[in-house]
Amino acid sequence: MSNVVDLLEKIGQSSRLQALSGEQLAQELSQAGLDPAVQAAIVQQRPRQLEQLIGAPSNVCCLIHAPQDDEPDEHQPDDDKSLALSTQPHAERIARAG
């Protein structure tokens, strides 16, 4: 399986290999010594068949979940509440002074 993946990686990195016709690609795959069924699946662009032939798991999904910036932080009070709390002592001092 690893030689198939290595070859597919090589094809993905090479513009020359990506530009090959089906027949030319088949020759490259044959020279790499791949099983004829694997070669056919690659040339015919049949990913499900290729997965089965090399024993690769299907439907692999990799992702990273990052929190959104819009979510409120539970440890910080809302702006309205902090404003009310910070201005209240000041307003009381003004009322006492007047």
PDB file of N, CA and C in Angstrom:
ATOM      1  N   MET A   1       0.825  -1.191   0.000  1.00  0.00           N
ATOM      2  CA  MET A   1       0.000   0.000   0.000  1.00  0.00           C
ATOM      3  C   MET A   1       0.865   1.250   0.000  1.00  0.00           C
ATOM      4  N   SER A   2       1.959   1.245   0.769  1.00  0.00           N
ATOM      5  CA  SER A   2       2.759   2.465   0.891  1.00  0.00           C
ATOM      6  C   SER A   2       3.384   2.870  -0.440  1.00  0.00           C
ATOM      7  N   ASN A   3       3.754   1.874  -1.277  1.00  0.00           N
ATOM      8  CA  ASN A   3       4.330   2.250  -2.571  1.00  0.00           C
ATOM      9  C   ASN A   3       3.289   2.901  -3.480  1.00  0.00           C
ATOM     10  N   VAL A   4       2.027   2.515  -3.340  1.00  0.00           N
ATOM     11  CA  VAL A   4       0.951   3.147  -4.119  1.00  0.00           C
ATOM     12  C   VAL A   4       0.770   4.585  -3.646  1.00  0.00           C
ATOM     13  N   VAL A   5       0.733   4.777  -2.345  1.00  0.00           N
ATOM     14  CA  VAL A   5       0.566   6.124  -1.789  1.00  0.00           C
ATOM     15  C   VAL A   5       1.765   6.993  -2.158  1.00  0.00           C
ATOM     16  N   ASP A   6       2.957   6.434  -2.074  1.00  0.00           N
ATOM     17  CA  ASP A   6       4.158   7.185  -2.455  1.00  0.00           C
ATOM     18  C   ASP A   6       4.098   7.614  -3.922  1.00  0.00           C
ATOM     19  N   LEU A   7       3.647   6.704  -4.779  1.00  0.00           N
ATOM     20  CA  LEU A   7       3.554   7.031  -6.202  1.00  0.00           C
ATOM     21  C   LEU A   7       2.489   8.104  -6.455  1.00  0.00           C
ATOM     22  N   LEU A   8       1.350   7.999  -5.781  1.00  0.00           N
ATOM     23  CA  LEU A   8       0.306   9.013  -5.939  1.00  0.00           C
ATOM     24  C   LEU A   8       0.791  10.373  -5.440  1.00  0.00           C
ATOM     25  N   GLU A   9       1.559  10.361  -4.364  1.00  0.00           N
ATOM     26  CA  GLU A   9       2.135  11.613  -3.861  1.00  0.00           C
ATOM     27  C   GLU A   9       3.104  12.198  -4.883  1.00  0.00           C
ATOM     28  N   LYS A  10       3.909  11.351  -5.487  1.00  0.00           N
ATOM     29  CA  LYS A  10       4.862  11.787  -6.511  1.00  0.00           C
ATOM     30  C   LYS A  10       4.130  12.395  -7.706  1.00  0.00           C
ATOM     31  N   ILE A  11       3.033  11.754  -8.111  1.00  0.00           N
ATOM     32  CA  ILE A  11       2.235  12.282  -9.234  1.00  0.00           C
ATOM     33  C   ILE A  11       1.648  13.634  -8.861  1.00  0.00           C
ATOM     34  N   GLY A  12       1.158  13.759  -7.623  1.00  0.00           N
ATOM     35  CA  GLY A  12       0.567  15.016  -7.172  1.00  0.00           C
ATOM     36  C   GLY A  12       1.557  16.165  -7.117  1.00  0.00           C
ATOM     37  N   GLN A  13       2.822  15.862  -6.937  1.00  0.00           N
ATOM     38  CA  GLN A  13       3.842  16.896  -6.825  1.00  0.00           C
ATOM     39  C   GLN A  13       4.510  17.230  -8.158  1.00  0.00           C
ATOM     40  N   SER A  14       4.249  16.441  -9.190  1.00  0.00           N
ATOM     41  CA  SER A  14       4.936  16.623 -10.466  1.00  0.00           C
ATOM     42  C   SER A  14       3.962  17.068 -11.553  1.00  0.00           C
ATOM     43  N   SER A  15       4.178  18.243 -12.074  1.00  0.00           N
ATOM     44  CA  SER A  15       3.315  18.724 -13.156  1.00  0.00           C
ATOM     45  C   SER A  15       3.509  17.878 -14.413  1.00  0.00           C
ATOM     46  N   ARG A  16       4.708  17.344 -14.605  1.00  0.00           N
ATOM     47  CA  ARG A  16       4.965  16.487 -15.770  1.00  0.00           C
ATOM     48  C   ARG A  16       4.114  15.222 -15.687  1.00  0.00           C
ATOM     49  N   LEU A  17       4.075  14.595 -14.511  1.00  0.00           N
ATOM     50  CA  LEU A  17       3.288  13.367 -14.367  1.00  0.00           C
ATOM     51  C   LEU A  17       1.787  13.650 -14.431  1.00  0.00           C
ATOM     52  N   GLN A  18       1.377  14.795 -13.944  1.00  0.00           N
ATOM     53  CA  GLN A  18      -0.045  15.149 -14.001  1.00  0.00           C
ATOM     54  C   GLN A  18      -0.513  15.378 -15.429  1.00  0.00           C
ATOM     55  N   ALA A  19       0.377  15.772 -16.303  1.00  0.00           N
ATOM     56  CA  ALA A  19       0.025  16.074 -17.688  1.00  0.00           C
ATOM     57  C   ALA A  19       0.042  14.846 -18.597  1.00  0.00           C
ATOM     58  N   LEU A  20       0.405  13.677 -18.062  1.00  0.00           N
ATOM     59  CA  LEU A  20       0.481  12.472 -18.887  1.00  0.00           C
ATOM     60  C   LEU A  20      -0.894  12.035 -19.361  1.00  0.00           C
ATOM     61  N   SER A  21      -0.926  11.481 -20.561  1.00  0.00           N
ATOM     62  CA  SER A  21      -2.171  10.902 -21.063  1.00  0.00           C
ATOM     63  C   SER A  21      -2.416   9.594 -20.314  1.00  0.00           C
ATOM     64  N   GLY A  22      -3.584   9.021 -20.481  1.00  0.00           N
ATOM     65  CA  GLY A  22      -3.916   7.767 -19.817  1.00  0.00           C
ATOM     66  C   GLY A  22      -2.943   6.648 -20.137  1.00  0.00           C
ATOM     67  N   GLU A  23      -2.549   6.565 -21.399  1.00  0.00           N
ATOM     68  CA  GLU A  23      -1.617   5.512 -21.822  1.00  0.00           C
ATOM     69  C   GLU A  23      -0.228   5.740 -21.227  1.00  0.00           C
ATOM     70  N   GLN A  24       0.214   6.991 -21.223  1.00  0.00           N
ATOM     71  CA  GLN A  24       1.521   7.310 -20.646  1.00  0.00           C
ATOM     72  C   GLN A  24       1.529   7.056 -19.131  1.00  0.00           C
ATOM     73  N   LEU A  25       0.433   7.405 -18.481  1.00  0.00           N
ATOM     74  CA  LEU A  25       0.319   7.157 -17.042  1.00  0.00           C
ATOM     75  C   LEU A  25       0.350   5.662 -16.761  1.00  0.00           C
ATOM     76  N   ALA A  26      -0.331   4.888 -17.586  1.00  0.00           N
ATOM     77  CA  ALA A  26      -0.327   3.433 -17.430  1.00  0.00           C
ATOM     78  C   ALA A  26       1.090   2.877 -17.542  1.00  0.00           C
ATOM     79  N   GLN A  27       1.889   3.424 -18.453  1.00  0.00           N
ATOM     80  CA  GLN A  27       3.283   2.992 -18.593  1.00  0.00           C
ATOM     81  C   GLN A  27       4.081   3.321 -17.324  1.00  0.00           C
ATOM     82  N   GLU A  28       3.883   4.514 -16.787  1.00  0.00           N
ATOM     83  CA  GLU A  28       4.577   4.914 -15.546  1.00  0.00           C
ATOM     84  C   GLU A  28       4.198   3.983 -14.394  1.00  0.00           C
ATOM     85  N   LEU A  29       2.914   3.676 -14.296  1.00  0.00           N
ATOM     86  CA  LEU A  29       2.438   2.801 -13.220  1.00  0.00           C
ATOM     87  C   LEU A  29       2.985   1.387 -13.387  1.00  0.00           C
ATOM     88  N   SER A  30       3.052   0.934 -14.621  1.00  0.00           N
ATOM     89  CA  SER A  30       3.585  -0.396 -14.900  1.00  0.00           C
ATOM     90  C   SER A  30       5.061  -0.470 -14.526  1.00  0.00           C
ATOM     91  N   GLN A  31       5.815   0.573 -14.855  1.00  0.00           N
ATOM     92  CA  GLN A  31       7.236   0.623 -14.513  1.00  0.00           C
ATOM     93  C   GLN A  31       7.448   0.651 -13.002  1.00  0.00           C
ATOM     94  N   ALA A  32       6.473   1.167 -12.275  1.00  0.00           N
ATOM     95  CA  ALA A  32       6.573   1.227 -10.812  1.00  0.00           C
ATOM     96  C   ALA A  32       6.300  -0.135 -10.182  1.00  0.00           C
ATOM     97  N   GLY A  33       5.820  -1.079 -10.998  1.00  0.00           N
ATOM     98  CA  GLY A  33       5.584  -2.436 -10.504  1.00  0.00           C
ATOM     99  C   GLY A  33       4.302  -2.606  -9.724  1.00  0.00           C
ATOM    100  N   LEU A  34       3.316  -1.777  -9.991  1.00  0.00           N
ATOM    101  CA  LEU A  34       2.035  -1.900  -9.288  1.00  0.00           C
ATOM    102  C   LEU A  34       1.193  -3.019  -9.882  1.00  0.00           C
ATOM    103  N   ASP A  35       0.331  -3.562  -9.051  1.00  0.00           N
ATOM    104  CA  ASP A  35      -0.610  -4.588  -9.484  1.00  0.00           C
ATOM    105  C   ASP A  35      -1.462  -4.029 -10.622  1.00  0.00           C
ATOM    106  N   PRO A  36      -1.743  -4.838 -11.659  1.00  0.00           N
ATOM    107  CA  PRO A  36      -2.543  -4.344 -12.793  1.00  0.00           C
ATOM    108  C   PRO A  36      -3.918  -3.805 -12.388  1.00  0.00           C
ATOM    109  N   ALA A  37      -4.550  -4.396 -11.386  1.00  0.00           N
ATOM    110  CA  ALA A  37      -5.864  -3.903 -10.941  1.00  0.00           C
ATOM    111  C   ALA A  37      -5.728  -2.515 -10.309  1.00  0.00           C
ATOM    112  N   VAL A  38      -4.653  -2.304  -9.568  1.00  0.00           N
ATOM    113  CA  VAL A  38      -4.391  -0.996  -8.961  1.00  0.00           C
ATOM    114  C   VAL A  38      -4.104   0.021 -10.060  1.00  0.00           C
ATOM    115  N   GLN A  39      -3.313  -0.383 -11.041  1.00  0.00           N
ATOM    116  CA  GLN A  39      -3.014   0.500 -12.173  1.00  0.00           C
ATOM    117  C   GLN A  39      -4.299   0.934 -12.871  1.00  0.00           C
ATOM    118  N   ALA A  40      -5.175  -0.018 -13.118  1.00  0.00           N
ATOM    119  CA  ALA A  40      -6.435   0.280 -13.812  1.00  0.00           C
ATOM    120  C   ALA A  40      -7.295   1.241 -12.991  1.00  0.00           C
ATOM    121  N   ALA A  41      -7.361   1.037 -11.684  1.00  0.00           N
ATOM    122  CA  ALA A  41      -8.164   1.918 -10.828  1.00  0.00           C
ATOM    123  C   ALA A  41      -7.632   3.347 -10.851  1.00  0.00           C
ATOM    124  N   ILE A  42      -6.312   3.493 -10.894  1.00  0.00           N
ATOM    125  CA  ILE A  42      -5.715   4.831 -10.941  1.00  0.00           C
ATOM    126  C   ILE A  42      -5.968   5.491 -12.300  1.00  0.00           C
ATOM    127  N   VAL A  43      -5.695   4.776 -13.377  1.00  0.00           N
ATOM    128  CA  VAL A  43      -5.862   5.328 -14.727  1.00  0.00           C
ATOM    129  C   VAL A  43      -7.324   5.678 -14.998  1.00  0.00           C
ATOM    130  N   GLN A  44      -8.247   4.821 -14.533  1.00  0.00           N
ATOM    131  CA  GLN A  44      -9.677   5.043 -14.761  1.00  0.00           C
ATOM    132  C   GLN A  44     -10.291   5.977 -13.709  1.00  0.00           C
ATOM    133  N   GLN A  45      -9.478   6.469 -12.799  1.00  0.00           N
ATOM    134  CA  GLN A  45      -9.913   7.400 -11.756  1.00  0.00           C
ATOM    135  C   GLN A  45     -11.090   6.843 -10.954  1.00  0.00           C
ATOM    136  N   ARG A  46     -10.871   5.691 -10.367  1.00  0.00           N
ATOM    137  CA  ARG A  46     -11.889   5.034  -9.545  1.00  0.00           C
ATOM    138  C   ARG A  46     -11.379   4.938  -8.099  1.00  0.00           C
ATOM    139  N   PRO A  47     -11.584   6.000  -7.328  1.00  0.00           N
ATOM    140  CA  PRO A  47     -11.024   6.034  -5.970  1.00  0.00           C
ATOM    141  C   PRO A  47     -11.569   4.956  -5.039  1.00  0.00           C
ATOM    142  N   ARG A  48     -12.849   4.643  -5.122  1.00  0.00           N
ATOM    143  CA  ARG A  48     -13.429   3.615  -4.235  1.00  0.00           C
ATOM    144  C   ARG A  48     -12.812   2.248  -4.517  1.00  0.00           C
ATOM    145  N   GLN A  49     -12.637   1.943  -5.774  1.00  0.00           N
ATOM    146  CA  GLN A  49     -12.015   0.672  -6.155  1.00  0.00           C
ATOM    147  C   GLN A  49     -10.568   0.640  -5.668  1.00  0.00           C
ATOM    148  N   LEU A  50      -9.862   1.743  -5.814  1.00  0.00           N
ATOM    149  CA  LEU A  50      -8.478   1.824  -5.363  1.00  0.00           C
ATOM    150  C   LEU A  50      -8.403   1.646  -3.838  1.00  0.00           C
ATOM    151  N   GLU A  51      -9.309   2.271  -3.098  1.00  0.00           N
ATOM    152  CA  GLU A  51      -9.353   2.111  -1.638  1.00  0.00           C
ATOM    153  C   GLU A  51      -9.492   0.648  -1.254  1.00  0.00           C
ATOM    154  N   GLN A  52     -10.393  -0.042  -1.936  1.00  0.00           N
ATOM    155  CA  GLN A  52     -10.609  -1.460  -1.642  1.00  0.00           C
ATOM    156  C   GLN A  52      -9.378  -2.291  -1.972  1.00  0.00           C
ATOM    157  N   LEU A  53      -8.754  -2.005  -3.097  1.00  0.00           N
ATOM    158  CA  LEU A  53      -7.605  -2.792  -3.533  1.00  0.00           C
ATOM    159  C   LEU A  53      -6.393  -2.651  -2.610  1.00  0.00           C
ATOM    160  N   ILE A  54      -6.181  -1.460  -2.073  1.00  0.00           N
ATOM    161  CA  ILE A  54      -5.009  -1.261  -1.223  1.00  0.00           C
ATOM    162  C   ILE A  54      -5.344  -1.347   0.266  1.00  0.00           C
ATOM    163  N   GLY A  55      -6.626  -1.564   0.576  1.00  0.00           N
ATOM    164  CA  GLY A  55      -7.028  -1.718   1.972  1.00  0.00           C
ATOM    165  C   GLY A  55      -7.037  -0.420   2.756  1.00  0.00           C
ATOM    166  N   ALA A  56      -7.289   0.660   2.075  1.00  0.00           N
ATOM    167  CA  ALA A  56      -7.335   1.969   2.733  1.00  0.00           C
ATOM    168  C   ALA A  56      -8.720   2.209   3.314  1.00  0.00           C
ATOM    169  N   PRO A  57      -8.800   2.849   4.466  1.00  0.00           N
ATOM    170  CA  PRO A  57     -10.118   3.169   5.022  1.00  0.00           C
ATOM    171  C   PRO A  57     -10.795   4.246   4.175  1.00  0.00           C
ATOM    172  N   SER A  58     -12.083   4.105   4.006  1.00  0.00           N
ATOM    173  CA  SER A  58     -12.812   5.120   3.243  1.00  0.00           C
ATOM    174  C   SER A  58     -13.442   6.114   4.203  1.00  0.00           C
ATOM    175  N   ASN A  59     -13.811   7.252   3.680  1.00  0.00           N
ATOM    176  CA  ASN A  59     -14.478   8.299   4.446  1.00  0.00           C
ATOM    177  C   ASN A  59     -13.669   8.752   5.657  1.00  0.00           C
ATOM    178  N   VAL A  60     -12.446   9.101   5.429  1.00  0.00           N
ATOM    179  CA  VAL A  60     -11.609   9.654   6.484  1.00  0.00           C
ATOM    180  C   VAL A  60     -11.774  11.159   6.456  1.00  0.00           C
ATOM    181  N   CYS A  61     -12.035  11.739   7.602  1.00  0.00           N
ATOM    182  CA  CYS A  61     -12.233  13.186   7.689  1.00  0.00           C
ATOM    183  C   CYS A  61     -11.372  13.732   8.817  1.00  0.00           C
ATOM    184  N   CYS A  62     -10.508  14.655   8.498  1.00  0.00           N
ATOM    185  CA  CYS A  62      -9.649  15.283   9.503  1.00  0.00           C
ATOM    186  C   CYS A  62     -10.054  16.742   9.617  1.00  0.00           C
ATOM    187  N   LEU A  63     -10.240  17.198  10.854  1.00  0.00           N
ATOM    188  CA  LEU A  63     -10.587  18.597  11.045  1.00  0.00           C
ATOM    189  C   LEU A  63     -10.156  19.039  12.423  1.00  0.00           C
ATOM    190  N   ILE A  64     -10.081  20.332  12.594  1.00  0.00           N
ATOM    191  CA  ILE A  64      -9.790  20.935  13.884  1.00  0.00           C
ATOM    192  C   ILE A  64     -10.914  21.901  14.180  1.00  0.00           C
ATOM    193  N   HIS A  65     -11.518  21.750  15.350  1.00  0.00           N
ATOM    194  CA  HIS A  65     -12.603  22.649  15.740  1.00  0.00           C
ATOM    195  C   HIS A  65     -12.012  23.783  16.557  1.00  0.00           C
ATOM    196  N   ALA A  66     -12.145  24.985  16.054  1.00  0.00           N
ATOM    197  CA  ALA A  66     -11.662  26.162  16.761  1.00  0.00           C
ATOM    198  C   ALA A  66     -12.860  26.986  17.214  1.00  0.00           C
ATOM    199  N   PRO A  67     -12.839  27.489  18.427  1.00  0.00           N
ATOM    200  CA  PRO A  67     -13.973  28.295  18.883  1.00  0.00           C
ATOM    201  C   PRO A  67     -14.084  29.588  18.090  1.00  0.00           C
ATOM    202  N   GLN A  68     -15.289  30.052  17.928  1.00  0.00           N
ATOM    203  CA  GLN A  68     -15.536  31.291  17.205  1.00  0.00           C
ATOM    204  C   GLN A  68     -15.234  32.473  18.113  1.00  0.00           C
ATOM    205  N   ASP A  69     -14.797  33.578  17.532  1.00  0.00           N
ATOM    206  CA  ASP A  69     -14.534  34.788  18.310  1.00  0.00           C
ATOM    207  C   ASP A  69     -15.813  35.415  18.837  1.00  0.00           C
ATOM    208  N   ASP A  70     -16.945  35.115  18.206  1.00  0.00           N
ATOM    209  CA  ASP A  70     -18.223  35.710  18.595  1.00  0.00           C
ATOM    210  C   ASP A  70     -18.788  35.113  19.883  1.00  0.00           C
ATOM    211  N   GLU A  71     -18.261  33.977  20.312  1.00  0.00           N
ATOM    212  CA  GLU A  71     -18.783  33.339  21.512  1.00  0.00           C
ATOM    213  C   GLU A  71     -18.354  34.135  22.734  1.00  0.00           C
ATOM    214  N   PRO A  72     -19.292  34.418  23.665  1.00  0.00           N
ATOM    215  CA  PRO A  72     -18.919  35.178  24.859  1.00  0.00           C
ATOM    216  C   PRO A  72     -18.036  34.345  25.781  1.00  0.00           C
ATOM    217  N   ASP A  73     -17.093  34.998  26.401  1.00  0.00           N
ATOM    218  CA  ASP A  73     -16.217  34.342  27.355  1.00  0.00           C
ATOM    219  C   ASP A  73     -16.961  34.254  28.686  1.00  0.00           C
ATOM    220  N   GLU A  74     -17.031  33.077  29.259  1.00  0.00           N
ATOM    221  CA  GLU A  74     -17.794  32.875  30.493  1.00  0.00           C
ATOM    222  C   GLU A  74     -17.153  33.588  31.674  1.00  0.00           C
ATOM    223  N   HIS A  75     -15.887  33.904  31.597  1.00  0.00           N
ATOM    224  CA  HIS A  75     -15.184  34.491  32.726  1.00  0.00           C
ATOM    225  C   HIS A  75     -15.230  36.015  32.729  1.00  0.00           C
ATOM    226  N   GLN A  76     -15.630  36.616  31.639  1.00  0.00           N
ATOM    227  CA  GLN A  76     -15.698  38.064  31.580  1.00  0.00           C
ATOM    228  C   GLN A  76     -17.160  38.494  31.549  1.00  0.00           C
ATOM    229  N   PRO A  77     -17.538  39.479  32.351  1.00  0.00           N
ATOM    230  CA  PRO A  77     -18.935  39.939  32.334  1.00  0.00           C
ATOM    231  C   PRO A  77     -19.245  40.663  31.039  1.00  0.00           C
ATOM    232  N   ASP A  78     -20.544  40.739  30.719  1.00  0.00           N
ATOM    233  CA  ASP A  78     -20.980  41.478  29.535  1.00  0.00           C
ATOM    234  C   ASP A  78     -20.596  42.945  29.683  1.00  0.00           C
ATOM    235  N   ASP A  79     -20.434  43.648  28.583  1.00  0.00           N
ATOM    236  CA  ASP A  79     -20.054  45.058  28.624  1.00  0.00           C
ATOM    237  C   ASP A  79     -21.061  45.904  29.380  1.00  0.00           C
ATOM    238  N   ASP A  80     -22.360  45.648  29.198  1.00  0.00           N
ATOM    239  CA  ASP A  80     -23.400  46.438  29.862  1.00  0.00           C
ATOM    240  C   ASP A  80     -23.311  46.281  31.375  1.00  0.00           C
ATOM    241  N   LYS A  81     -23.116  45.057  31.849  1.00  0.00           N
ATOM    242  CA  LYS A  81     -23.041  44.810  33.284  1.00  0.00           C
ATOM    243  C   LYS A  81     -21.795  45.452  33.875  1.00  0.00           C
ATOM    244  N   SER A  82     -20.654  45.317  33.210  1.00  0.00           N
ATOM    245  CA  SER A  82     -19.427  45.895  33.758  1.00  0.00           C
ATOM    246  C   SER A  82     -19.505  47.415  33.767  1.00  0.00           C
ATOM    247  N   LEU A  83     -20.162  47.997  32.778  1.00  0.00           N
ATOM    248  CA  LEU A  83     -20.327  49.434  32.734  1.00  0.00           C
ATOM    249  C   LEU A  83     -21.205  49.888  33.888  1.00  0.00           C
ATOM    250  N   ALA A  84     -22.302  49.163  34.124  1.00  0.00           N
ATOM    251  CA  ALA A  84     -23.206  49.514  35.217  1.00  0.00           C
ATOM    252  C   ALA A  84     -22.499  49.373  36.556  1.00  0.00           C
ATOM    253  N   LEU A  85     -21.715  48.344  36.733  1.00  0.00           N
ATOM    254  CA  LEU A  85     -21.006  48.143  37.988  1.00  0.00           C
ATOM    255  C   LEU A  85     -19.931  49.196  38.202  1.00  0.00           C
ATOM    256  N   SER A  86     -19.249  49.587  37.148  1.00  0.00           N
ATOM    257  CA  SER A  86     -18.157  50.550  37.304  1.00  0.00           C
ATOM    258  C   SER A  86     -18.670  51.973  37.482  1.00  0.00           C
ATOM    259  N   THR A  87     -19.830  52.320  36.951  1.00  0.00           N
ATOM    260  CA  THR A  87     -20.333  53.689  37.081  1.00  0.00           C
ATOM    261  C   THR A  87     -21.162  53.880  38.332  1.00  0.00           C
ATOM    262  N   GLN A  88     -21.672  52.810  38.897  1.00  0.00           N
ATOM    263  CA  GLN A  88     -22.534  52.940  40.066  1.00  0.00           C
ATOM    264  C   GLN A  88     -21.805  53.555  41.258  1.00  0.00           C
ATOM    265  N   PRO A  89     -20.614  53.108  41.663  1.00  0.00           N
ATOM    266  CA  PRO A  89     -19.946  53.743  42.803  1.00  0.00           C
ATOM    267  C   PRO A  89     -19.636  55.223  42.530  1.00  0.00           C
ATOM    268  N   HIS A  90     -19.278  55.542  41.307  1.00  0.00           N
ATOM    269  CA  HIS A  90     -18.982  56.924  40.950  1.00  0.00           C
ATOM    270  C   HIS A  90     -20.243  57.779  41.076  1.00  0.00           C
ATOM    271  N   ALA A  91     -21.371  57.272  40.623  1.00  0.00           N
ATOM    272  CA  ALA A  91     -22.633  58.023  40.711  1.00  0.00           C
ATOM    273  C   ALA A  91     -23.025  58.224  42.164  1.00  0.00           C
ATOM    274  N   GLU A  92     -22.772  57.247  43.023  1.00  0.00           N
ATOM    275  CA  GLU A  92     -23.102  57.407  44.447  1.00  0.00           C
ATOM    276  C   GLU A  92     -22.217  58.478  45.095  1.00  0.00           C
ATOM    277  N   ARG A  93     -20.944  58.532  44.727  1.00  0.00           N
ATOM    278  CA  ARG A  93     -20.053  59.549  45.281  1.00  0.00           C
ATOM    279  C   ARG A  93     -20.495  60.953  44.853  1.00  0.00           C
ATOM    280  N   ILE A  94     -20.958  61.087  43.611  1.00  0.00           N
ATOM    281  CA  ILE A  94     -21.417  62.383  43.121  1.00  0.00           C
ATOM    282  C   ILE A  94     -22.668  62.788  43.871  1.00  0.00           C
ATOM    283  N   ALA A  95     -23.599  61.832  44.113  1.00  0.00           N
ATOM    284  CA  ALA A  95     -24.836  62.137  44.814  1.00  0.00           C
ATOM    285  C   ALA A  95     -24.558  62.557  46.258  1.00  0.00           C
ATOM    286  N   ARG A  96     -23.589  61.921  46.907  1.00  0.00           N
ATOM    287  CA  ARG A  96     -23.245  62.266  48.289  1.00  0.00           C
ATOM    288  C   ARG A  96     -22.584  63.637  48.372  1.00  0.00           C
ATOM    289  N   ALA A  97     -21.769  63.938  47.369  1.00  0.00           N
ATOM    290  CA  ALA A  97     -21.029  65.195  47.379  1.00  0.00           C
ATOM    291  C   ALA A  97     -21.959  66.378  47.120  1.00  0.00           C
ATOM    292  N   GLY A  98     -23.030  66.156  46.419  1.00  0.00           N
ATOM    293  CA  GLY A  98     -23.921  67.252  46.021  1.00  0.00           C
ATOM    294  C   GLY A  98     -24.944  67.561  46.984  1.00  0.00           C
TER     295      GLY A  98
END
